Amino acid sequence: MEVYQRTGPDAKEIEEEAYVQRLMKEVKDSEKSVSKKLLTLESIVWVFLEILLLALMRPIPRVFTDERVPRLYLTISLVAIGILTSIVLYYSLFLNLIKRDAEYLDRSKFLFPVAAGCLVVGFFTSLKAIWPLYGFFTPVLLFVTFMSILHGSMFIPWKDTAKSVEHTE
């Protein structure tokens, strides 16, 4: 009586393994697709909520015409938000889409602390400036505005330039 010893997987097991791997890849791809669709839906909801708040509360005309708004804090807030906006536009549009520079993050690291400082200063001075108009609803208004800007940036057509240029150190 001869005993058969297996030395490796047979063809049927290889086919089953490939089938299982293909199924796992399809599940991962569908999970990524669903999560991307949910993120897009969430972004649309935040932007729609901001548009709704701007239409119903009309904070922009009220801030510039109401006498209760402290002008010093409003001016500081607008300057800080302007600097922050220009840094974001510089990174997202100019360096990423126009110049297509893959190493722009290495060259302009100093702008991150400046942007963070402008964000903090802009938030607290906006809070102080708008507080007389909306009271305890002011942080909610600023949070929704921040989230809509954050999620609205998802709709900027980003280019991945880092893959095309080799990074050498």
C-alpha atoms as a PDB file:
ATOM      1  CA  MET A   1       0.000   0.000   0.000  1.00  0.00           C
ATOM      2  CA  GLU A   2       1.418   3.274  -1.101  1.00  0.00           C
ATOM      3  CA  VAL A   3       0.893   6.444   0.954  1.00  0.00           C
ATOM      4  CA  TYR A   4       0.426   9.676  -0.930  1.00  0.00           C
ATOM      5  CA  GLN A   5       2.064  12.744   0.598  1.00  0.00           C
ATOM      6  CA  ARG A   6       1.104  16.207  -0.549  1.00  0.00           C
ATOM      7  CA  THR A   7       3.938  18.537  -1.304  1.00  0.00           C
ATOM      8  CA  GLY A   8       1.833  21.627  -2.030  1.00  0.00           C
ATOM      9  CA  PRO A   9      -1.636  22.871  -2.738  1.00  0.00           C
ATOM     10  CA  ASP A  10      -3.506  21.352  -5.638  1.00  0.00           C
ATOM     11  CA  ALA A  11      -5.119  23.332  -8.443  1.00  0.00           C
ATOM     12  CA  LYS A  12      -8.543  23.434  -6.783  1.00  0.00           C
ATOM     13  CA  GLU A  13      -7.151  24.990  -3.607  1.00  0.00           C
ATOM     14  CA  ILE A  14      -5.247  27.605  -5.638  1.00  0.00           C
ATOM     15  CA  GLU A  15      -8.459  28.514  -7.476  1.00  0.00           C
ATOM     16  CA  GLU A  16     -10.363  28.780  -4.183  1.00  0.00           C
ATOM     17  CA  GLU A  17      -7.644  30.983  -2.679  1.00  0.00           C
ATOM     18  CA  ALA A  18      -7.694  33.281  -5.713  1.00  0.00           C
ATOM     19  CA  TYR A  19     -11.503  33.434  -5.527  1.00  0.00           C
ATOM     20  CA  VAL A  20     -11.397  34.359  -1.828  1.00  0.00           C
ATOM     21  CA  GLN A  21      -8.751  37.030  -2.480  1.00  0.00           C
ATOM     22  CA  ARG A  22     -10.841  38.472  -5.324  1.00  0.00           C
ATOM     23  CA  LEU A  23     -13.934  38.576  -3.091  1.00  0.00           C
ATOM     24  CA  MET A  24     -11.998  40.297  -0.293  1.00  0.00           C
ATOM     25  CA  LYS A  25     -10.714  42.911  -2.776  1.00  0.00           C
ATOM     26  CA  GLU A  26     -14.256  43.552  -4.037  1.00  0.00           C
ATOM     27  CA  VAL A  27     -15.512  44.010  -0.463  1.00  0.00           C
ATOM     28  CA  LYS A  28     -12.702  46.469   0.339  1.00  0.00           C
ATOM     29  CA  ASP A  29     -13.377  48.420  -2.862  1.00  0.00           C
ATOM     30  CA  SER A  30     -17.103  48.606  -2.123  1.00  0.00           C
ATOM     31  CA  GLU A  31     -16.381  49.761   1.460  1.00  0.00           C
ATOM     32  CA  LYS A  32     -14.148  52.530   0.098  1.00  0.00           C
ATOM     33  CA  SER A  33     -16.835  53.530  -2.382  1.00  0.00           C
ATOM     34  CA  VAL A  34     -19.524  53.644   0.315  1.00  0.00           C
ATOM     35  CA  SER A  35     -17.338  55.639   2.708  1.00  0.00           C
ATOM     36  CA  LYS A  36     -16.451  58.110  -0.055  1.00  0.00           C
ATOM     37  CA  LYS A  37     -20.142  58.547  -0.907  1.00  0.00           C
ATOM     38  CA  LEU A  38     -20.980  59.107   2.770  1.00  0.00           C
ATOM     39  CA  LEU A  39     -18.190  61.679   3.078  1.00  0.00           C
ATOM     40  CA  THR A  40     -19.500  63.464  -0.003  1.00  0.00           C
ATOM     41  CA  LEU A  41     -23.017  63.426   1.444  1.00  0.00           C
ATOM     42  CA  GLU A  42     -21.731  64.765   4.768  1.00  0.00           C
ATOM     43  CA  SER A  43     -19.865  67.535   2.955  1.00  0.00           C
ATOM     44  CA  ILE A  44     -22.978  68.503   1.017  1.00  0.00           C
ATOM     45  CA  VAL A  45     -24.987  68.605   4.264  1.00  0.00           C
ATOM     46  CA  TRP A  46     -22.453  70.918   5.983  1.00  0.00           C
ATOM     47  CA  VAL A  47     -22.292  73.280   3.000  1.00  0.00           C
ATOM     48  CA  PHE A  48     -26.102  73.307   2.695  1.00  0.00           C
ATOM     49  CA  LEU A  49     -26.425  74.012   6.428  1.00  0.00           C
ATOM     50  CA  GLU A  50     -24.049  76.979   6.104  1.00  0.00           C
ATOM     51  CA  ILE A  51     -25.989  78.354   3.137  1.00  0.00           C
ATOM     52  CA  LEU A  52     -29.195  77.971   5.144  1.00  0.00           C
ATOM     53  CA  LEU A  53     -27.690  79.810   8.132  1.00  0.00           C
ATOM     54  CA  LEU A  54     -26.387  82.600   5.907  1.00  0.00           C
ATOM     55  CA  ALA A  55     -29.771  82.984   4.241  1.00  0.00           C
ATOM     56  CA  LEU A  56     -31.840  82.932   7.423  1.00  0.00           C
ATOM     57  CA  MET A  57     -29.617  84.853   9.845  1.00  0.00           C
ATOM     58  CA  ARG A  58     -27.895  87.196   7.363  1.00  0.00           C
ATOM     59  CA  PRO A  59     -24.795  87.621   9.562  1.00  0.00           C
ATOM     60  CA  ILE A  60     -22.613  89.354   6.962  1.00  0.00           C
ATOM     61  CA  PRO A  61     -24.783  92.472   6.467  1.00  0.00           C
ATOM     62  CA  ARG A  62     -25.581  92.633  10.183  1.00  0.00           C
ATOM     63  CA  VAL A  63     -21.912  92.510  11.209  1.00  0.00           C
ATOM     64  CA  PHE A  64     -21.061  95.537   9.073  1.00  0.00           C
ATOM     65  CA  THR A  65     -24.145  97.624   9.883  1.00  0.00           C
ATOM     66  CA  ASP A  66     -24.995  96.900  13.519  1.00  0.00           C
ATOM     67  CA  GLU A  67     -23.660  99.398  16.065  1.00  0.00           C
ATOM     68  CA  ARG A  68     -23.183  96.766  18.794  1.00  0.00           C
ATOM     69  CA  VAL A  69     -20.313  95.052  16.934  1.00  0.00           C
ATOM     70  CA  PRO A  70     -16.885  96.062  18.318  1.00  0.00           C
ATOM     71  CA  ARG A  71     -15.009  97.318  15.246  1.00  0.00           C
ATOM     72  CA  LEU A  72     -11.531  96.585  16.604  1.00  0.00           C
ATOM     73  CA  TYR A  73     -12.260  92.892  17.076  1.00  0.00           C
ATOM     74  CA  LEU A  74     -14.032  92.743  13.720  1.00  0.00           C
ATOM     75  CA  THR A  75     -11.033  94.283  11.949  1.00  0.00           C
ATOM     76  CA  ILE A  76      -8.545  91.939  13.642  1.00  0.00           C
ATOM     77  CA  SER A  77     -10.778  89.005  12.788  1.00  0.00           C
ATOM     78  CA  LEU A  78     -11.067  89.992   9.127  1.00  0.00           C
ATOM     79  CA  VAL A  79      -7.300  90.471   8.804  1.00  0.00           C
ATOM     80  CA  ALA A  80      -6.569  87.075  10.405  1.00  0.00           C
ATOM     81  CA  ILE A  81      -9.170  85.312   8.263  1.00  0.00           C
ATOM     82  CA  GLY A  82      -7.813  87.064   5.165  1.00  0.00           C
ATOM     83  CA  ILE A  83      -4.272  85.866   5.900  1.00  0.00           C
ATOM     84  CA  LEU A  84      -5.558  82.341   6.562  1.00  0.00           C
ATOM     85  CA  THR A  85      -7.570  82.362   3.334  1.00  0.00           C
ATOM     86  CA  SER A  86      -4.590  83.484   1.293  1.00  0.00           C
ATOM     87  CA  ILE A  87      -2.393  80.741   2.797  1.00  0.00           C
ATOM     88  CA  VAL A  88      -5.030  78.102   2.016  1.00  0.00           C
ATOM     89  CA  LEU A  89      -5.445  79.391  -1.548  1.00  0.00           C
ATOM     90  CA  TYR A  90      -1.666  79.468  -1.982  1.00  0.00           C
ATOM     91  CA  TYR A  91      -1.367  75.816  -0.948  1.00  0.00           C
ATOM     92  CA  SER A  92      -4.485  74.416  -2.568  1.00  0.00           C
ATOM     93  CA  LEU A  93      -4.692  76.322  -5.817  1.00  0.00           C
ATOM     94  CA  PHE A  94      -1.355  77.881  -6.735  1.00  0.00           C
ATOM     95  CA  LEU A  95       1.137  75.251  -5.586  1.00  0.00           C
ATOM     96  CA  ASN A  96      -1.050  72.220  -6.158  1.00  0.00           C
ATOM     97  CA  LEU A  97      -2.911  73.024  -9.370  1.00  0.00           C
ATOM     98  CA  ILE A  98      -0.925  75.730 -11.142  1.00  0.00           C
ATOM     99  CA  LYS A  99       2.713  75.169 -10.211  1.00  0.00           C
ATOM    100  CA  ARG A 100       2.348  71.394  -9.583  1.00  0.00           C
ATOM    101  CA  ASP A 101       5.272  71.352  -7.193  1.00  0.00           C
ATOM    102  CA  ALA A 102       5.584  68.059  -5.321  1.00  0.00           C
ATOM    103  CA  GLU A 103       7.928  69.417  -2.669  1.00  0.00           C
ATOM    104  CA  TYR A 104       5.955  72.519  -1.736  1.00  0.00           C
ATOM    105  CA  LEU A 105       5.322  71.231   1.777  1.00  0.00           C
ATOM    106  CA  ASP A 106       9.058  71.004   2.444  1.00  0.00           C
ATOM    107  CA  ARG A 107       9.733  74.486   1.112  1.00  0.00           C
ATOM    108  CA  SER A 108       7.056  76.354   3.022  1.00  0.00           C
ATOM    109  CA  LYS A 109       6.761  74.695   6.411  1.00  0.00           C
ATOM    110  CA  PHE A 110       6.788  78.074   8.165  1.00  0.00           C
ATOM    111  CA  LEU A 111       3.289  78.817   6.844  1.00  0.00           C
ATOM    112  CA  PHE A 112       1.658  76.105   8.974  1.00  0.00           C
ATOM    113  CA  PRO A 113       2.244  77.866  12.329  1.00  0.00           C
ATOM    114  CA  VAL A 114       1.194  81.171  10.750  1.00  0.00           C
ATOM    115  CA  ALA A 115      -2.041  79.588   9.493  1.00  0.00           C
ATOM    116  CA  ALA A 116      -2.713  77.973  12.867  1.00  0.00           C
ATOM    117  CA  GLY A 117      -2.129  81.259  14.676  1.00  0.00           C
ATOM    118  CA  CYS A 118      -4.417  83.108  12.273  1.00  0.00           C
ATOM    119  CA  LEU A 119      -7.088  80.447  12.784  1.00  0.00           C
ATOM    120  CA  VAL A 120      -6.976  80.826  16.569  1.00  0.00           C
ATOM    121  CA  VAL A 121      -6.864  84.624  16.478  1.00  0.00           C
ATOM    122  CA  GLY A 122      -9.605  84.743  13.847  1.00  0.00           C
ATOM    123  CA  PHE A 123     -11.854  82.420  15.828  1.00  0.00           C
ATOM    124  CA  PHE A 124     -11.597  84.252  19.151  1.00  0.00           C
ATOM    125  CA  THR A 125     -11.846  87.735  17.687  1.00  0.00           C
ATOM    126  CA  SER A 126     -14.832  86.661  15.547  1.00  0.00           C
ATOM    127  CA  LEU A 127     -16.406  85.228  18.672  1.00  0.00           C
ATOM    128  CA  LYS A 128     -15.889  88.517  20.508  1.00  0.00           C
ATOM    129  CA  ALA A 129     -17.097  90.598  17.553  1.00  0.00           C
ATOM    130  CA  ILE A 130     -20.265  88.641  16.754  1.00  0.00           C
ATOM    131  CA  TRP A 131     -21.262  87.829  20.343  1.00  0.00           C
ATOM    132  CA  PRO A 132     -23.407  90.978  20.802  1.00  0.00           C
ATOM    133  CA  LEU A 133     -25.514  89.954  17.801  1.00  0.00           C
ATOM    134  CA  TYR A 134     -26.141  86.251  18.406  1.00  0.00           C
ATOM    135  CA  GLY A 135     -25.157  85.585  22.025  1.00  0.00           C
ATOM    136  CA  PHE A 136     -24.792  81.915  22.907  1.00  0.00           C
ATOM    137  CA  PHE A 137     -25.569  80.904  19.308  1.00  0.00           C
ATOM    138  CA  THR A 138     -22.298  82.516  18.118  1.00  0.00           C
ATOM    139  CA  PRO A 139     -20.039  79.458  18.738  1.00  0.00           C
ATOM    140  CA  VAL A 140     -22.535  77.266  16.877  1.00  0.00           C
ATOM    141  CA  LEU A 141     -22.545  79.685  13.955  1.00  0.00           C
ATOM    142  CA  LEU A 142     -18.745  79.779  13.824  1.00  0.00           C
ATOM    143  CA  PHE A 143     -18.485  75.986  14.154  1.00  0.00           C
ATOM    144  CA  VAL A 144     -20.903  75.403  11.273  1.00  0.00           C
ATOM    145  CA  THR A 145     -18.992  77.950   9.190  1.00  0.00           C
ATOM    146  CA  PHE A 146     -15.683  76.211   9.948  1.00  0.00           C
ATOM    147  CA  MET A 147     -17.093  72.760   9.166  1.00  0.00           C
ATOM    148  CA  SER A 148     -18.647  73.935   5.894  1.00  0.00           C
ATOM    149  CA  ILE A 149     -15.342  75.460   4.789  1.00  0.00           C
ATOM    150  CA  LEU A 150     -13.480  72.311   5.808  1.00  0.00           C
ATOM    151  CA  HIS A 151     -15.890  69.998   4.013  1.00  0.00           C
ATOM    152  CA  GLY A 152     -16.321  72.388   1.103  1.00  0.00           C
ATOM    153  CA  SER A 153     -12.606  72.088   0.394  1.00  0.00           C
ATOM    154  CA  MET A 154     -13.329  68.492  -0.561  1.00  0.00           C
ATOM    155  CA  PHE A 155     -14.758  69.792  -3.825  1.00  0.00           C
ATOM    156  CA  ILE A 156     -11.452  71.435  -4.844  1.00  0.00           C
ATOM    157  CA  PRO A 157      -9.954  69.351  -7.686  1.00  0.00           C
ATOM    158  CA  TRP A 158      -6.732  68.140  -6.044  1.00  0.00           C
ATOM    159  CA  LYS A 159      -3.891  66.780  -8.129  1.00  0.00           C
ATOM    160  CA  ASP A 160      -1.564  64.191  -6.654  1.00  0.00           C
ATOM    161  CA  THR A 161       1.820  65.460  -7.774  1.00  0.00           C
ATOM    162  CA  ALA A 162       3.778  63.518  -5.155  1.00  0.00           C
ATOM    163  CA  LYS A 163       3.482  60.231  -7.060  1.00  0.00           C
ATOM    164  CA  SER A 164       4.966  61.585 -10.260  1.00  0.00           C
ATOM    165  CA  VAL A 165       8.128  63.111  -8.767  1.00  0.00           C
ATOM    166  CA  GLU A 166      10.676  61.070  -6.879  1.00  0.00           C
ATOM    167  CA  HIS A 167      11.627  62.448  -3.487  1.00  0.00           C
ATOM    168  CA  THR A 168      15.350  62.298  -2.766  1.00  0.00           C
ATOM    169  CA  GLU A 169      16.986  63.178   0.506  1.00  0.00           C
END
